[in-house]
Amino acid sequence: MADDIDRAQRHNERYQAQALDAWRNRQSSAAGRTHCIDCEEEIPLKRRQANPNAVRCIDCQREIEAHR
């Protein structure tokens, strides 16, 4: 029983580490992005100044948030 729990714990730790690495990569690649990842339209300068990590234009971001 303990072996199963240990294996599950290790699996969970690996999964969390991978998820955190992926998040960090997205964050570092978001800075300086000028175009929306969904519609590929330019993200307005004011939005980029207000949120340097924005990856979507405001319209696409609103749509994403509305469906959550």
N, C-alpha and C. Protein backbone atom coordinates (compact mmCIF):
# COMPACT_ATOMS: atom_id res chain seq x y z
N MET A 1 0.82 -1.20 0.00
CA MET A 1 0.00 0.00 0.00
C MET A 1 0.86 1.25 0.00
N ALA A 2 1.89 1.28 0.84
CA ALA A 2 2.76 2.46 0.92
C ALA A 2 3.45 2.72 -0.41
N ASP A 3 3.82 1.65 -1.13
CA ASP A 3 4.47 1.83 -2.43
C ASP A 3 3.55 2.53 -3.42
N ASP A 4 2.28 2.16 -3.41
CA ASP A 4 1.32 2.80 -4.31
C ASP A 4 1.18 4.29 -3.98
N ILE A 5 1.13 4.59 -2.70
CA ILE A 5 1.01 5.99 -2.28
C ILE A 5 2.27 6.76 -2.64
N ASP A 6 3.44 6.16 -2.45
CA ASP A 6 4.70 6.81 -2.81
C ASP A 6 4.76 7.08 -4.31
N ARG A 7 4.34 6.08 -5.10
CA ARG A 7 4.35 6.26 -6.56
C ARG A 7 3.38 7.37 -6.96
N ALA A 8 2.24 7.41 -6.36
CA ALA A 8 1.26 8.46 -6.68
C ALA A 8 1.80 9.83 -6.30
N GLN A 9 2.47 9.90 -5.17
CA GLN A 9 3.06 11.17 -4.73
C GLN A 9 4.14 11.64 -5.71
N ARG A 10 5.00 10.73 -6.13
CA ARG A 10 6.06 11.09 -7.09
C ARG A 10 5.45 11.54 -8.42
N HIS A 11 4.42 10.82 -8.85
CA HIS A 11 3.74 11.20 -10.09
C HIS A 11 3.15 12.60 -9.97
N ASN A 12 2.51 12.87 -8.86
CA ASN A 12 1.92 14.18 -8.62
C ASN A 12 2.99 15.28 -8.60
N GLU A 13 4.11 15.02 -7.97
CA GLU A 13 5.19 16.00 -7.92
C GLU A 13 5.75 16.28 -9.31
N ARG A 14 5.92 15.23 -10.13
CA ARG A 14 6.41 15.43 -11.50
C ARG A 14 5.40 16.24 -12.31
N TYR A 15 4.12 15.91 -12.16
CA TYR A 15 3.07 16.62 -12.89
C TYR A 15 3.07 18.11 -12.51
N GLN A 16 3.15 18.40 -11.22
CA GLN A 16 3.16 19.79 -10.77
C GLN A 16 4.39 20.52 -11.27
N ALA A 17 5.55 19.86 -11.25
CA ALA A 17 6.77 20.50 -11.74
C ALA A 17 6.66 20.80 -13.23
N GLN A 18 6.10 19.87 -14.01
CA GLN A 18 5.93 20.10 -15.44
C GLN A 18 4.95 21.24 -15.70
N ALA A 19 3.87 21.27 -14.95
CA ALA A 19 2.88 22.34 -15.12
C ALA A 19 3.48 23.69 -14.77
N LEU A 20 4.27 23.75 -13.71
CA LEU A 20 4.91 24.99 -13.32
C LEU A 20 5.92 25.44 -14.37
N ASP A 21 6.70 24.51 -14.92
CA ASP A 21 7.65 24.85 -15.98
C ASP A 21 6.93 25.39 -17.21
N ALA A 22 5.83 24.76 -17.57
CA ALA A 22 5.06 25.22 -18.73
C ALA A 22 4.51 26.61 -18.49
N TRP A 23 4.02 26.85 -17.29
CA TRP A 23 3.50 28.19 -16.95
C TRP A 23 4.61 29.22 -17.03
N ARG A 24 5.77 28.91 -16.49
CA ARG A 24 6.90 29.85 -16.54
C ARG A 24 7.30 30.15 -17.98
N ASN A 25 7.31 29.13 -18.83
CA ASN A 25 7.65 29.34 -20.23
C ASN A 25 6.64 30.24 -20.92
N ARG A 26 5.36 30.05 -20.62
CA ARG A 26 4.33 30.91 -21.21
C ARG A 26 4.49 32.35 -20.72
N GLN A 27 4.79 32.51 -19.44
CA GLN A 27 4.94 33.86 -18.89
C GLN A 27 6.13 34.56 -19.51
N SER A 28 7.24 33.86 -19.65
CA SER A 28 8.43 34.52 -20.20
C SER A 28 8.26 34.83 -21.68
N SER A 29 7.49 34.00 -22.40
CA SER A 29 7.29 34.28 -23.82
C SER A 29 6.18 35.30 -24.04
N ALA A 30 5.38 35.56 -23.01
CA ALA A 30 4.29 36.53 -23.16
C ALA A 30 4.82 37.96 -23.17
N ALA A 31 5.83 38.24 -22.37
CA ALA A 31 6.37 39.60 -22.32
C ALA A 31 6.87 39.98 -23.70
N GLY A 32 6.41 41.10 -24.19
CA GLY A 32 6.84 41.57 -25.50
C GLY A 32 5.95 41.10 -26.64
N ARG A 33 4.96 40.28 -26.34
CA ARG A 33 4.06 39.81 -27.40
C ARG A 33 3.24 41.00 -27.91
N THR A 34 3.11 41.11 -29.21
CA THR A 34 2.38 42.23 -29.79
C THR A 34 1.07 41.81 -30.44
N HIS A 35 0.90 40.50 -30.68
CA HIS A 35 -0.31 40.03 -31.37
C HIS A 35 -1.02 38.95 -30.55
N CYS A 36 -2.32 38.97 -30.62
CA CYS A 36 -3.19 38.04 -29.89
C CYS A 36 -2.93 36.60 -30.33
N ILE A 37 -2.87 35.68 -29.35
CA ILE A 37 -2.64 34.28 -29.68
C ILE A 37 -3.86 33.62 -30.30
N ASP A 38 -5.03 34.24 -30.20
CA ASP A 38 -6.25 33.66 -30.74
C ASP A 38 -6.59 34.23 -32.12
N CYS A 39 -6.75 35.53 -32.22
CA CYS A 39 -7.18 36.13 -33.48
C CYS A 39 -6.02 36.71 -34.30
N GLU A 40 -4.86 36.79 -33.69
CA GLU A 40 -3.64 37.30 -34.33
C GLU A 40 -3.69 38.79 -34.67
N GLU A 41 -4.69 39.48 -34.14
CA GLU A 41 -4.73 40.94 -34.29
C GLU A 41 -3.73 41.55 -33.31
N GLU A 42 -3.30 42.76 -33.60
CA GLU A 42 -2.35 43.43 -32.71
C GLU A 42 -3.01 43.75 -31.37
N ILE A 43 -2.29 43.50 -30.30
CA ILE A 43 -2.76 43.87 -28.96
C ILE A 43 -2.46 45.35 -28.80
N PRO A 44 -3.47 46.17 -28.53
CA PRO A 44 -3.24 47.62 -28.43
C PRO A 44 -2.15 47.97 -27.41
N LEU A 45 -1.40 49.01 -27.72
CA LEU A 45 -0.29 49.44 -26.88
C LEU A 45 -0.74 49.71 -25.44
N LYS A 46 -1.89 50.36 -25.27
CA LYS A 46 -2.37 50.65 -23.91
C LYS A 46 -2.59 49.37 -23.12
N ARG A 47 -3.11 48.33 -23.76
CA ARG A 47 -3.31 47.05 -23.07
C ARG A 47 -1.96 46.44 -22.71
N ARG A 48 -1.01 46.47 -23.63
CA ARG A 48 0.32 45.91 -23.36
C ARG A 48 1.02 46.68 -22.24
N GLN A 49 0.78 47.99 -22.18
CA GLN A 49 1.39 48.77 -21.11
C GLN A 49 0.73 48.45 -19.77
N ALA A 50 -0.58 48.27 -19.79
CA ALA A 50 -1.31 47.97 -18.55
C ALA A 50 -1.03 46.55 -18.08
N ASN A 51 -0.83 45.62 -19.01
CA ASN A 51 -0.57 44.23 -18.69
C ASN A 51 0.49 43.68 -19.64
N PRO A 52 1.76 43.83 -19.28
CA PRO A 52 2.85 43.39 -20.16
C PRO A 52 2.81 41.89 -20.47
N ASN A 53 2.11 41.10 -19.66
CA ASN A 53 2.03 39.66 -19.89
C ASN A 53 0.78 39.25 -20.68
N ALA A 54 0.05 40.21 -21.19
CA ALA A 54 -1.16 39.89 -21.96
C ALA A 54 -0.78 39.12 -23.22
N VAL A 55 -1.53 38.06 -23.48
CA VAL A 55 -1.30 37.27 -24.69
C VAL A 55 -2.51 37.33 -25.63
N ARG A 56 -3.58 37.99 -25.16
CA ARG A 56 -4.80 38.12 -25.97
C ARG A 56 -5.23 39.58 -26.03
N CYS A 57 -5.90 39.93 -27.11
CA CYS A 57 -6.53 41.25 -27.18
C CYS A 57 -7.69 41.25 -26.19
N ILE A 58 -8.22 42.39 -25.89
CA ILE A 58 -9.26 42.49 -24.87
C ILE A 58 -10.53 41.75 -25.28
N ASP A 59 -10.88 41.76 -26.57
CA ASP A 59 -12.08 41.06 -27.03
C ASP A 59 -11.96 39.55 -26.83
N CYS A 60 -10.83 38.98 -27.21
CA CYS A 60 -10.62 37.54 -27.05
C CYS A 60 -10.53 37.17 -25.57
N GLN A 61 -9.91 38.02 -24.77
CA GLN A 61 -9.83 37.76 -23.33
C GLN A 61 -11.21 37.76 -22.70
N ARG A 62 -12.06 38.70 -23.08
CA ARG A 62 -13.43 38.75 -22.56
C ARG A 62 -14.21 37.48 -22.95
N GLU A 63 -14.01 37.04 -24.17
CA GLU A 63 -14.71 35.84 -24.63
C GLU A 63 -14.26 34.61 -23.83
N ILE A 64 -12.98 34.49 -23.58
CA ILE A 64 -12.44 33.38 -22.79
C ILE A 64 -13.04 33.42 -21.39
N GLU A 65 -13.05 34.58 -20.78
CA GLU A 65 -13.55 34.71 -19.42
C GLU A 65 -15.06 34.48 -19.34
N ALA A 66 -15.79 34.83 -20.38
CA ALA A 66 -17.23 34.63 -20.39
C ALA A 66 -17.59 33.14 -20.44
N HIS A 67 -16.71 32.34 -21.02
CA HIS A 67 -16.99 30.90 -21.14
C HIS A 67 -16.49 30.09 -19.97
N ARG A 68 -15.88 30.72 -19.01
CA ARG A 68 -15.37 29.99 -17.85
C ARG A 68 -16.43 29.81 -16.82
